[in-house]
Each structure stands twice: as structure tokens, then as C-alpha cells.
Amino acid sequence: MAPMTAPALASQSPPPKAAGRPDRRPALSIRGMLLTAIVVGVVLPALMVLLLDQDLARRTLEPGGAEQPRRHPGASRRWR
């Protein structure tokens, strides 16, 4: 069988579509899906932890931000 030339390839019609099945292509490539999964599964939770850590550190270091530990009312000062 001889190789087909460009005009011969252009003259061929595409294969018929299956009835009732629209030609759908995936919205994201495999690379795009993996990148999205990594960002959603690793980067976003890490950013949330960093933001929460900064917020908690800021709250505890502010004057009056965190409550002082309470002592038992019956505890005496000599046991400090």
C-alpha cells in the first residue's frame, strides 16, 4: 500500500459520529487536572494553616487578646 499524500488525506471525510453522542472533549488536560488537584489538595490547606497560625499568634500576643490562666480560688500563693 502506498503512503497517502496530503490531497488524498484532505479528500477523506471524517468518520461518522455515533448517534446521540455529542463530540465532547475534556475541559482540562491530564496535566491541568493534576495541577488543579495538587493546588486544591496541598497548597490551599497549607495557606489556610499559615493564615490561622498568624491569626492565633497575633491574638495571643495582643495585650488583653488572650485570657490569663485562672488559678483555683483555694490555691495559695506559696505554691507558685
N, C-alpha and C. Protein backbone atom coordinates (compact mmCIF):
# COMPACT_ATOMS: atom_id res chain seq x y z
N MET A 1 0.84 -1.16 0.00
CA MET A 1 0.00 0.00 0.00
C MET A 1 0.90 1.24 0.00
N ALA A 2 0.63 2.17 -0.85
CA ALA A 2 1.43 3.38 -0.99
C ALA A 2 1.00 4.40 0.05
N PRO A 3 1.97 5.21 0.53
CA PRO A 3 1.59 6.24 1.51
C PRO A 3 0.68 7.27 0.87
N MET A 4 -0.23 7.81 1.68
CA MET A 4 -1.19 8.79 1.16
C MET A 4 -0.55 10.17 1.12
N THR A 5 -0.89 10.91 0.14
CA THR A 5 -0.39 12.28 0.03
C THR A 5 -1.37 13.23 0.68
N ALA A 6 -0.95 14.49 0.85
CA ALA A 6 -1.80 15.47 1.52
C ALA A 6 -3.14 15.66 0.83
N PRO A 7 -3.22 15.78 -0.52
CA PRO A 7 -4.54 15.93 -1.14
C PRO A 7 -5.43 14.71 -0.92
N ALA A 8 -4.83 13.52 -0.90
CA ALA A 8 -5.63 12.31 -0.69
C ALA A 8 -6.17 12.29 0.74
N LEU A 9 -5.36 12.74 1.71
CA LEU A 9 -5.82 12.78 3.09
C LEU A 9 -6.91 13.83 3.28
N ALA A 10 -6.80 14.97 2.60
CA ALA A 10 -7.78 16.04 2.73
C ALA A 10 -9.12 15.63 2.12
N SER A 11 -9.09 14.77 1.14
CA SER A 11 -10.34 14.39 0.49
C SER A 11 -11.13 13.37 1.29
N GLN A 12 -10.51 12.73 2.25
CA GLN A 12 -11.21 11.75 3.07
C GLN A 12 -12.14 12.45 4.04
N SER A 13 -13.33 11.94 4.20
CA SER A 13 -14.28 12.52 5.14
C SER A 13 -14.01 11.95 6.53
N PRO A 14 -14.31 12.72 7.56
CA PRO A 14 -14.11 12.22 8.92
C PRO A 14 -15.08 11.08 9.20
N PRO A 15 -14.74 10.23 10.15
CA PRO A 15 -15.64 9.12 10.46
C PRO A 15 -16.96 9.67 11.01
N PRO A 16 -18.05 8.98 10.75
CA PRO A 16 -19.35 9.47 11.22
C PRO A 16 -19.42 9.42 12.75
N LYS A 17 -20.13 10.38 13.33
CA LYS A 17 -20.31 10.41 14.78
C LYS A 17 -21.36 9.39 15.17
N ALA A 18 -21.19 8.86 16.36
CA ALA A 18 -22.17 7.92 16.86
C ALA A 18 -23.48 8.68 17.13
N ALA A 19 -24.58 8.06 16.86
CA ALA A 19 -25.88 8.70 17.02
C ALA A 19 -26.14 8.98 18.50
N GLY A 20 -26.53 10.21 18.82
CA GLY A 20 -26.89 10.56 20.18
C GLY A 20 -25.72 10.89 21.08
N ARG A 21 -24.51 10.81 20.58
CA ARG A 21 -23.34 11.11 21.41
C ARG A 21 -22.65 12.36 20.86
N PRO A 22 -22.76 13.47 21.55
CA PRO A 22 -22.08 14.68 21.08
C PRO A 22 -20.57 14.53 21.23
N ASP A 23 -19.85 15.22 20.38
CA ASP A 23 -18.40 15.17 20.43
C ASP A 23 -17.92 16.08 21.55
N ARG A 24 -17.59 15.51 22.70
CA ARG A 24 -17.15 16.28 23.85
C ARG A 24 -15.67 16.01 24.10
N ARG A 25 -14.98 17.09 24.35
CA ARG A 25 -13.58 16.98 24.71
C ARG A 25 -13.46 17.34 26.19
N PRO A 26 -12.49 16.76 26.87
CA PRO A 26 -12.34 17.12 28.29
C PRO A 26 -11.98 18.59 28.43
N ALA A 27 -12.49 19.21 29.47
CA ALA A 27 -12.24 20.63 29.67
C ALA A 27 -10.79 20.89 30.06
N LEU A 28 -10.19 19.98 30.83
CA LEU A 28 -8.80 20.13 31.25
C LEU A 28 -7.99 18.93 30.77
N SER A 29 -6.75 19.19 30.45
CA SER A 29 -5.86 18.09 30.09
C SER A 29 -5.47 17.33 31.36
N ILE A 30 -4.79 16.24 31.19
CA ILE A 30 -4.32 15.48 32.35
C ILE A 30 -3.40 16.35 33.20
N ARG A 31 -2.52 17.09 32.54
CA ARG A 31 -1.60 17.96 33.26
C ARG A 31 -2.37 19.02 34.04
N GLY A 32 -3.38 19.60 33.42
CA GLY A 32 -4.18 20.61 34.10
C GLY A 32 -4.95 20.03 35.28
N MET A 33 -5.45 18.83 35.12
CA MET A 33 -6.18 18.19 36.21
C MET A 33 -5.25 17.88 37.38
N LEU A 34 -4.05 17.39 37.08
CA LEU A 34 -3.09 17.10 38.15
C LEU A 34 -2.67 18.37 38.87
N LEU A 35 -2.43 19.42 38.12
CA LEU A 35 -2.05 20.68 38.74
C LEU A 35 -3.16 21.22 39.62
N THR A 36 -4.40 21.12 39.15
CA THR A 36 -5.54 21.56 39.95
C THR A 36 -5.67 20.73 41.22
N ALA A 37 -5.49 19.42 41.11
CA ALA A 37 -5.59 18.54 42.28
C ALA A 37 -4.50 18.86 43.30
N ILE A 38 -3.30 19.15 42.83
CA ILE A 38 -2.20 19.48 43.75
C ILE A 38 -2.48 20.81 44.45
N VAL A 39 -2.95 21.78 43.69
CA VAL A 39 -3.24 23.09 44.30
C VAL A 39 -4.35 22.97 45.33
N VAL A 40 -5.42 22.27 44.99
CA VAL A 40 -6.57 22.15 45.90
C VAL A 40 -6.22 21.28 47.11
N GLY A 41 -5.45 20.22 46.88
CA GLY A 41 -5.17 19.27 47.96
C GLY A 41 -3.99 19.61 48.84
N VAL A 42 -3.06 20.42 48.36
CA VAL A 42 -1.84 20.68 49.13
C VAL A 42 -1.66 22.17 49.42
N VAL A 43 -1.71 22.98 48.40
CA VAL A 43 -1.37 24.39 48.56
C VAL A 43 -2.45 25.14 49.35
N LEU A 44 -3.71 24.95 49.02
CA LEU A 44 -4.76 25.67 49.74
C LEU A 44 -4.82 25.31 51.23
N PRO A 45 -4.77 24.03 51.61
CA PRO A 45 -4.74 23.73 53.05
C PRO A 45 -3.51 24.31 53.75
N ALA A 46 -2.37 24.31 53.08
CA ALA A 46 -1.16 24.87 53.69
C ALA A 46 -1.33 26.38 53.91
N LEU A 47 -1.91 27.07 52.95
CA LEU A 47 -2.16 28.51 53.12
C LEU A 47 -3.13 28.77 54.26
N MET A 48 -4.15 27.93 54.38
CA MET A 48 -5.12 28.10 55.46
C MET A 48 -4.44 27.93 56.82
N VAL A 49 -3.56 26.94 56.94
CA VAL A 49 -2.85 26.71 58.20
C VAL A 49 -1.96 27.91 58.53
N LEU A 50 -1.26 28.43 57.52
CA LEU A 50 -0.40 29.59 57.76
C LEU A 50 -1.21 30.80 58.21
N LEU A 51 -2.35 31.04 57.57
CA LEU A 51 -3.18 32.18 57.96
C LEU A 51 -3.74 32.02 59.36
N LEU A 52 -4.18 30.81 59.69
CA LEU A 52 -4.70 30.57 61.03
C LEU A 52 -3.60 30.72 62.07
N ASP A 53 -2.39 30.26 61.75
CA ASP A 53 -1.27 30.37 62.66
C ASP A 53 -0.95 31.83 62.93
N GLN A 54 -0.92 32.65 61.90
CA GLN A 54 -0.65 34.07 62.07
C GLN A 54 -1.74 34.74 62.91
N ASP A 55 -2.98 34.38 62.64
CA ASP A 55 -4.10 34.96 63.38
C ASP A 55 -4.04 34.59 64.86
N LEU A 56 -3.78 33.32 65.14
CA LEU A 56 -3.70 32.89 66.54
C LEU A 56 -2.51 33.52 67.25
N ALA A 57 -1.38 33.63 66.57
CA ALA A 57 -0.21 34.27 67.18
C ALA A 57 -0.49 35.74 67.47
N ARG A 58 -1.15 36.41 66.55
CA ARG A 58 -1.48 37.82 66.75
C ARG A 58 -2.43 37.98 67.92
N ARG A 59 -3.41 37.10 68.03
CA ARG A 59 -4.38 37.20 69.13
C ARG A 59 -3.72 36.97 70.48
N THR A 60 -2.81 36.01 70.55
CA THR A 60 -2.20 35.69 71.84
C THR A 60 -1.17 36.74 72.25
N LEU A 61 -0.57 37.44 71.31
CA LEU A 61 0.45 38.43 71.65
C LEU A 61 -0.13 39.81 71.90
N GLU A 62 -1.37 40.05 71.53
CA GLU A 62 -2.02 41.34 71.80
C GLU A 62 -2.27 41.47 73.29
N PRO A 63 -2.12 42.69 73.82
CA PRO A 63 -2.50 42.86 75.23
C PRO A 63 -4.01 42.69 75.38
N GLY A 64 -4.38 41.84 76.28
CA GLY A 64 -5.80 41.59 76.51
C GLY A 64 -6.42 40.68 75.47
N GLY A 65 -5.61 40.14 74.55
CA GLY A 65 -6.14 39.29 73.49
C GLY A 65 -6.48 37.90 73.97
N ALA A 66 -5.65 37.37 74.83
CA ALA A 66 -5.89 36.03 75.34
C ALA A 66 -6.14 36.12 76.85
N GLU A 67 -6.99 35.27 77.32
CA GLU A 67 -7.27 35.28 78.75
C GLU A 67 -6.07 34.75 79.51
N GLN A 68 -5.87 35.31 80.69
CA GLN A 68 -4.81 34.82 81.56
C GLN A 68 -5.29 33.51 82.18
N PRO A 69 -4.39 32.57 82.43
CA PRO A 69 -4.82 31.32 83.06
C PRO A 69 -5.38 31.58 84.46
N ARG A 70 -6.46 30.93 84.76
CA ARG A 70 -7.11 31.14 86.06
C ARG A 70 -6.54 30.17 87.08
N ARG A 71 -6.39 30.69 88.28
CA ARG A 71 -5.96 29.82 89.37
C ARG A 71 -7.19 29.36 90.14
N HIS A 72 -7.05 28.27 90.76
CA HIS A 72 -8.13 27.77 91.61
C HIS A 72 -8.33 28.74 92.76
N PRO A 73 -9.59 29.07 93.12
CA PRO A 73 -9.81 30.07 94.17
C PRO A 73 -9.20 29.68 95.51
N GLY A 74 -9.03 28.42 95.78
CA GLY A 74 -8.47 28.00 97.07
C GLY A 74 -6.96 27.87 97.05
N ALA A 75 -6.33 28.10 95.92
CA ALA A 75 -4.88 27.94 95.83
C ALA A 75 -4.19 29.11 96.52
N SER A 76 -3.14 28.80 97.23
CA SER A 76 -2.40 29.86 97.90
C SER A 76 -1.23 30.29 97.04
N ARG A 77 -0.66 31.43 97.36
CA ARG A 77 0.46 31.98 96.57
C ARG A 77 1.76 31.22 96.85
N ARG A 78 1.89 30.59 97.99
CA ARG A 78 3.16 29.95 98.31
C ARG A 78 3.45 28.74 97.42
N TRP A 79 2.46 28.18 96.76
CA TRP A 79 2.68 27.00 95.91
C TRP A 79 3.00 27.38 94.48
N ARG A 80 3.29 28.59 94.22
CA ARG A 80 3.63 29.04 92.88
C ARG A 80 4.88 28.44 92.39
